[in-house]
Amino acid sequence: MSRKTTRLRPAKRAKPRRTRQKEAWNLRLYIAGATPRATSALENLKAICEQHLTGQYRIEVIDLLKHPQLAKGDQIVAVPTLVRHLPPPVKKIIGDLSDAERVLVGLDLRRRDRTEPSHE
């Protein structure tokens, strides 16, 4: 008589279902202290992100008075400066971000109207 042996296998775990999400935006705002200009830049950035990137962004504020060595990595020469790391390519915008249209174009969230003169 032959005996059949059966091996017990662990139950297969259901793989978590991946839902296609839009890529998260990784933004760094470089400031030099809690100046009115830095505060304004952060408020303007938050408003723009909430309106155009709801739930898809992360803002990291870097105070160069506390961490001056961090300016070298992103080649910061003026503050406030916004650096978009994700999605690529890296983009930089200098200023208090009060011109929402300029920020949207700079972040590639909106195309520049070709009838307007370039300020570059």
Protein backbone atom coordinates (compact mmCIF):
# COMPACT_ATOMS: atom_id res chain seq x y z
CA MET A 1 0.00 0.00 0.00
CA SER A 2 1.35 3.33 -0.89
CA ARG A 3 0.63 6.25 1.30
CA LYS A 4 0.10 9.64 -0.10
CA THR A 5 1.59 12.39 1.93
CA THR A 6 0.20 15.82 1.69
CA ARG A 7 2.07 18.82 2.83
CA LEU A 8 0.26 21.59 4.48
CA ARG A 9 1.01 24.88 2.84
CA PRO A 10 0.54 28.19 4.50
CA ALA A 11 -2.51 29.98 3.25
CA LYS A 12 -1.75 32.51 0.57
CA ARG A 13 -2.11 36.03 1.79
CA ALA A 14 -4.06 38.36 -0.34
CA LYS A 15 -1.80 41.00 -1.77
CA PRO A 16 -2.90 44.51 -0.98
CA ARG A 17 -4.52 46.04 -3.97
CA ARG A 18 -2.57 48.89 -5.40
CA THR A 19 -4.60 51.81 -6.45
CA ARG A 20 -2.96 54.09 -8.90
CA GLN A 21 -2.26 57.29 -7.03
CA LYS A 22 -0.87 60.46 -8.40
CA GLU A 23 2.72 61.06 -7.46
CA ALA A 24 3.17 63.00 -4.23
CA TRP A 25 4.74 66.43 -4.52
CA ASN A 26 7.80 66.96 -2.32
CA LEU A 27 8.32 70.68 -1.75
CA ARG A 28 11.00 72.40 0.34
CA LEU A 29 10.68 75.99 1.39
CA TYR A 30 13.95 77.57 2.48
CA ILE A 31 13.61 80.56 4.80
CA ALA A 32 15.89 82.58 7.11
CA GLY A 33 13.95 83.02 10.34
CA ALA A 34 10.29 83.74 10.97
CA THR A 35 10.21 86.96 8.98
CA PRO A 36 6.99 88.41 7.52
CA ARG A 37 8.24 87.45 4.05
CA ALA A 38 8.89 83.84 5.12
CA THR A 39 5.49 83.61 6.82
CA SER A 40 3.81 85.03 3.73
CA ALA A 41 5.64 82.55 1.47
CA LEU A 42 4.51 79.59 3.58
CA GLU A 43 0.89 80.79 3.74
CA ASN A 44 0.83 81.41 -0.02
CA LEU A 45 2.36 77.99 -0.71
CA LYS A 46 -0.14 76.20 1.52
CA ALA A 47 -3.06 77.98 -0.16
CA ILE A 48 -1.81 77.08 -3.65
CA CYS A 49 -1.20 73.46 -2.67
CA GLU A 50 -4.61 73.07 -1.05
CA GLN A 51 -6.29 74.46 -4.14
CA HIS A 52 -4.30 72.54 -6.77
CA LEU A 53 -2.68 69.53 -5.03
CA THR A 54 -5.10 68.58 -2.27
CA GLY A 55 -3.77 65.57 -0.39
CA GLN A 56 -0.85 65.08 -2.80
CA TYR A 57 1.87 67.26 -1.34
CA ARG A 58 4.38 67.48 1.47
CA ILE A 59 5.98 70.77 2.50
CA GLU A 60 9.27 70.79 4.38
CA VAL A 61 10.29 74.16 5.81
CA ILE A 62 14.03 74.60 6.29
CA ASP A 63 15.19 77.55 8.37
CA LEU A 64 18.71 78.38 7.23
CA LEU A 65 19.40 80.34 10.42
CA LYS A 66 19.13 77.04 12.28
CA HIS A 67 20.60 74.76 9.58
CA PRO A 68 22.81 76.84 7.25
CA GLN A 69 24.63 73.75 5.95
CA LEU A 70 21.43 72.62 4.19
CA ALA A 71 21.61 75.53 1.72
CA LYS A 72 24.47 73.89 -0.15
CA GLY A 73 22.54 70.78 -1.21
CA ASP A 74 19.92 72.70 -3.17
CA GLN A 75 22.26 75.60 -4.04
CA ILE A 76 20.16 78.21 -2.26
CA VAL A 77 21.35 81.77 -2.87
CA ALA A 78 18.27 83.74 -1.76
CA VAL A 79 15.36 83.26 0.63
CA PRO A 80 12.59 82.43 0.60
CA THR A 81 13.16 79.81 -2.08
CA LEU A 82 10.80 77.00 -2.97
CA VAL A 83 12.36 73.82 -4.37
CA ARG A 84 10.24 71.11 -5.97
CA HIS A 85 12.03 67.76 -5.67
CA LEU A 86 9.17 65.51 -6.76
CA PRO A 87 7.90 65.04 -9.35
CA PRO A 88 11.06 65.53 -11.40
CA PRO A 89 12.62 67.66 -12.73
CA VAL A 90 13.75 69.83 -9.80
CA LYS A 91 12.28 73.34 -10.00
CA LYS A 92 13.09 76.48 -7.97
CA ILE A 93 11.06 79.61 -7.32
CA ILE A 94 12.47 82.55 -5.37
CA GLY A 95 10.25 85.02 -3.53
CA ASP A 96 7.21 85.17 -1.26
CA LEU A 97 5.07 83.19 -3.75
CA SER A 98 2.41 85.91 -3.78
CA ASP A 99 1.99 85.69 -7.56
CA ALA A 100 -0.02 82.46 -7.71
CA GLU A 101 0.02 82.32 -11.50
CA ARG A 102 3.83 82.55 -11.55
CA VAL A 103 4.07 79.80 -8.92
CA LEU A 104 1.70 77.53 -10.87
CA VAL A 105 3.72 78.01 -14.05
CA GLY A 106 6.99 77.56 -12.14
CA LEU A 107 5.78 74.28 -10.65
CA ASP A 108 4.45 73.08 -14.02
CA LEU A 109 0.88 73.05 -12.74
CA ARG A 110 -0.15 75.47 -15.48
CA ARG A 111 1.37 76.41 -18.80
CA ARG A 112 2.47 79.96 -19.44
CA ASP A 113 0.24 81.83 -21.85
CA ARG A 114 2.36 82.37 -24.94
CA THR A 115 0.85 85.81 -25.53
CA GLU A 116 2.44 87.12 -22.33
CA PRO A 117 6.04 88.29 -22.42
CA SER A 118 8.56 86.05 -20.71
CA HIS A 119 10.06 87.36 -17.46
CA GLU A 120 13.01 84.97 -17.52
